[in-house]
Structure formats: structure tokens, C-alpha cells
């Protein structure tokens, strides 16, 4: 986004939604649970990319 260009309403709403989603996630899951989820996601992604050459 250019500094001289004002933010659009859809962009602002998307930012607010992302913030609320992150706050909700941090409220309901422990850091250990989030790390486990991230590790499993990254492991699956590496497996998929290696398996399919993506």
C-alpha cells in the first residue's frame, strides 16, 4: 500500500478480523499446543512438497 493512498474499508475489516482470530487462538491454545500444530503443519507441507515435487 502506498503511504499517500488511504486504506480501503475491506482492507481494514480484514485486518480487524485477522487480529480477532489471532487473539481467539492465543486465548484457547497453549504455546505448546500451537508449536505442536505448527510443527505438524510444516512436516506435512515438507512431505507433500517432497512427494509431489511442488
N, C-alpha and C. Protein backbone atom coordinates (compact mmCIF):
# COMPACT_ATOMS: atom_id res chain seq x y z
N UNK A 1 0.84 -1.18 0.00
CA UNK A 1 0.00 0.00 0.00
C UNK A 1 0.88 1.23 0.00
N UNK A 2 0.50 2.20 -0.81
CA UNK A 2 1.25 3.45 -0.89
C UNK A 2 0.88 4.34 0.30
N UNK A 3 1.86 5.04 0.87
CA UNK A 3 1.56 5.91 2.01
C UNK A 3 0.56 7.02 1.67
N UNK A 4 0.54 7.45 0.43
CA UNK A 4 -0.37 8.53 0.04
C UNK A 4 -1.79 8.05 -0.22
N UNK A 5 -1.98 6.75 -0.27
CA UNK A 5 -3.29 6.19 -0.57
C UNK A 5 -3.96 5.70 0.71
N UNK A 6 -5.18 6.16 0.99
CA UNK A 6 -5.86 5.71 2.21
C UNK A 6 -6.26 4.24 2.12
N UNK A 7 -6.34 3.61 3.27
CA UNK A 7 -6.73 2.20 3.33
C UNK A 7 -8.21 2.06 2.99
N UNK A 8 -8.54 0.98 2.30
CA UNK A 8 -9.94 0.75 1.95
C UNK A 8 -10.65 0.07 3.13
N UNK A 9 -11.96 0.18 3.15
CA UNK A 9 -12.75 -0.44 4.21
C UNK A 9 -12.58 -1.96 4.22
N UNK A 10 -12.60 -2.64 3.07
CA UNK A 10 -12.38 -4.09 3.10
C UNK A 10 -11.01 -4.47 3.69
N UNK A 11 -9.98 -3.69 3.39
CA UNK A 11 -8.66 -3.98 3.93
C UNK A 11 -8.64 -3.79 5.45
N UNK A 12 -9.29 -2.75 5.93
CA UNK A 12 -9.36 -2.52 7.38
C UNK A 12 -10.14 -3.63 8.08
N UNK A 13 -11.25 -4.04 7.49
CA UNK A 13 -12.05 -5.11 8.09
C UNK A 13 -11.28 -6.44 8.10
N UNK A 14 -10.52 -6.70 7.05
CA UNK A 14 -9.72 -7.91 7.02
C UNK A 14 -8.67 -7.89 8.13
N UNK A 15 -8.04 -6.74 8.36
CA UNK A 15 -7.07 -6.62 9.43
C UNK A 15 -7.69 -6.84 10.80
N UNK A 16 -8.87 -6.28 11.01
CA UNK A 16 -9.58 -6.46 12.28
C UNK A 16 -9.94 -7.94 12.47
N UNK A 17 -10.44 -8.57 11.42
CA UNK A 17 -10.79 -9.99 11.51
C UNK A 17 -9.56 -10.83 11.86
N UNK A 18 -8.44 -10.56 11.19
CA UNK A 18 -7.22 -11.32 11.46
C UNK A 18 -6.77 -11.13 12.90
N UNK A 19 -6.89 -9.92 13.41
CA UNK A 19 -6.49 -9.65 14.80
C UNK A 19 -7.38 -10.43 15.78
N UNK A 20 -8.69 -10.40 15.56
CA UNK A 20 -9.60 -11.13 16.45
C UNK A 20 -9.37 -12.64 16.37
N UNK A 21 -9.11 -13.14 15.18
CA UNK A 21 -8.84 -14.57 15.02
C UNK A 21 -7.57 -14.96 15.78
N UNK A 22 -6.55 -14.14 15.71
CA UNK A 22 -5.30 -14.44 16.41
C UNK A 22 -5.51 -14.36 17.92
N UNK A 23 -6.22 -13.36 18.39
CA UNK A 23 -6.48 -13.23 19.82
C UNK A 23 -7.29 -14.42 20.34
N UNK A 24 -8.25 -14.86 19.57
CA UNK A 24 -9.07 -16.02 19.95
C UNK A 24 -8.21 -17.27 20.02
N UNK A 25 -7.34 -17.44 19.05
CA UNK A 25 -6.44 -18.60 19.03
C UNK A 25 -5.52 -18.59 20.24
N UNK A 26 -4.92 -17.45 20.52
CA UNK A 26 -3.99 -17.35 21.65
C UNK A 26 -4.69 -17.55 22.99
N UNK A 27 -5.97 -17.22 23.03
CA UNK A 27 -6.75 -17.38 24.26
C UNK A 27 -7.09 -18.84 24.54
N UNK A 28 -7.25 -19.64 23.49
CA UNK A 28 -7.74 -21.01 23.66
C UNK A 28 -6.67 -22.09 23.60
N UNK A 29 -5.47 -21.78 23.11
CA UNK A 29 -4.43 -22.79 22.97
C UNK A 29 -3.17 -22.36 23.70
N UNK A 30 -2.50 -23.33 24.30
CA UNK A 30 -1.24 -23.05 24.99
C UNK A 30 -0.12 -22.89 23.96
N UNK A 31 0.98 -22.26 24.35
CA UNK A 31 2.11 -22.16 23.42
C UNK A 31 2.59 -23.53 22.94
N UNK A 32 2.55 -24.54 23.82
CA UNK A 32 2.98 -25.88 23.43
C UNK A 32 2.05 -26.46 22.36
N UNK A 33 0.75 -26.25 22.52
CA UNK A 33 -0.21 -26.75 21.53
C UNK A 33 0.00 -26.05 20.17
N UNK A 34 0.25 -24.76 20.21
CA UNK A 34 0.47 -24.01 18.96
C UNK A 34 1.75 -24.48 18.27
N UNK A 35 2.79 -24.74 19.06
CA UNK A 35 4.05 -25.23 18.48
C UNK A 35 3.84 -26.61 17.86
N UNK A 36 3.10 -27.47 18.54
CA UNK A 36 2.83 -28.81 18.01
C UNK A 36 2.05 -28.71 16.69
N UNK A 37 1.06 -27.83 16.66
CA UNK A 37 0.29 -27.63 15.43
C UNK A 37 1.19 -27.13 14.31
N UNK A 38 2.02 -26.13 14.61
CA UNK A 38 2.91 -25.58 13.58
C UNK A 38 3.89 -26.63 13.09
N UNK A 39 4.45 -27.41 14.01
CA UNK A 39 5.40 -28.46 13.61
C UNK A 39 4.72 -29.50 12.71
N UNK A 40 3.51 -29.91 13.06
CA UNK A 40 2.81 -30.91 12.25
C UNK A 40 2.46 -30.34 10.88
N UNK A 41 2.08 -29.08 10.83
CA UNK A 41 1.74 -28.45 9.56
C UNK A 41 2.98 -28.36 8.67
N UNK A 42 4.10 -27.94 9.23
CA UNK A 42 5.32 -27.82 8.45
C UNK A 42 5.81 -29.19 8.00
N UNK A 43 5.68 -30.20 8.86
CA UNK A 43 6.09 -31.55 8.49
C UNK A 43 5.25 -32.07 7.32
N UNK A 44 3.95 -31.86 7.38
CA UNK A 44 3.06 -32.30 6.30
C UNK A 44 3.39 -31.57 5.00
N UNK A 45 3.67 -30.28 5.11
CA UNK A 45 3.99 -29.49 3.92
C UNK A 45 5.29 -29.98 3.28
N UNK A 46 6.30 -30.27 4.11
CA UNK A 46 7.57 -30.78 3.57
C UNK A 46 7.34 -32.14 2.93
N UNK A 47 6.52 -32.98 3.54
CA UNK A 47 6.21 -34.29 2.98
C UNK A 47 5.52 -34.13 1.63
N UNK A 48 4.54 -33.24 1.57
CA UNK A 48 3.78 -33.04 0.35
C UNK A 48 4.69 -32.52 -0.76
N UNK A 49 5.53 -31.53 -0.44
CA UNK A 49 6.41 -30.96 -1.46
C UNK A 49 7.42 -32.00 -1.94
N UNK A 50 7.93 -32.82 -1.04
CA UNK A 50 8.89 -33.85 -1.44
C UNK A 50 8.24 -34.95 -2.25
N UNK A 51 7.02 -35.31 -1.87
CA UNK A 51 6.29 -36.40 -2.53
C UNK A 51 5.83 -36.01 -3.93
N UNK A 52 5.39 -34.77 -4.07
CA UNK A 52 4.79 -34.34 -5.33
C UNK A 52 5.66 -33.38 -6.13
N UNK A 53 6.81 -33.03 -5.60
CA UNK A 53 7.72 -32.14 -6.33
C UNK A 53 7.20 -30.74 -6.51
N UNK A 54 6.40 -30.27 -5.58
CA UNK A 54 5.82 -28.92 -5.67
C UNK A 54 6.80 -27.92 -5.13
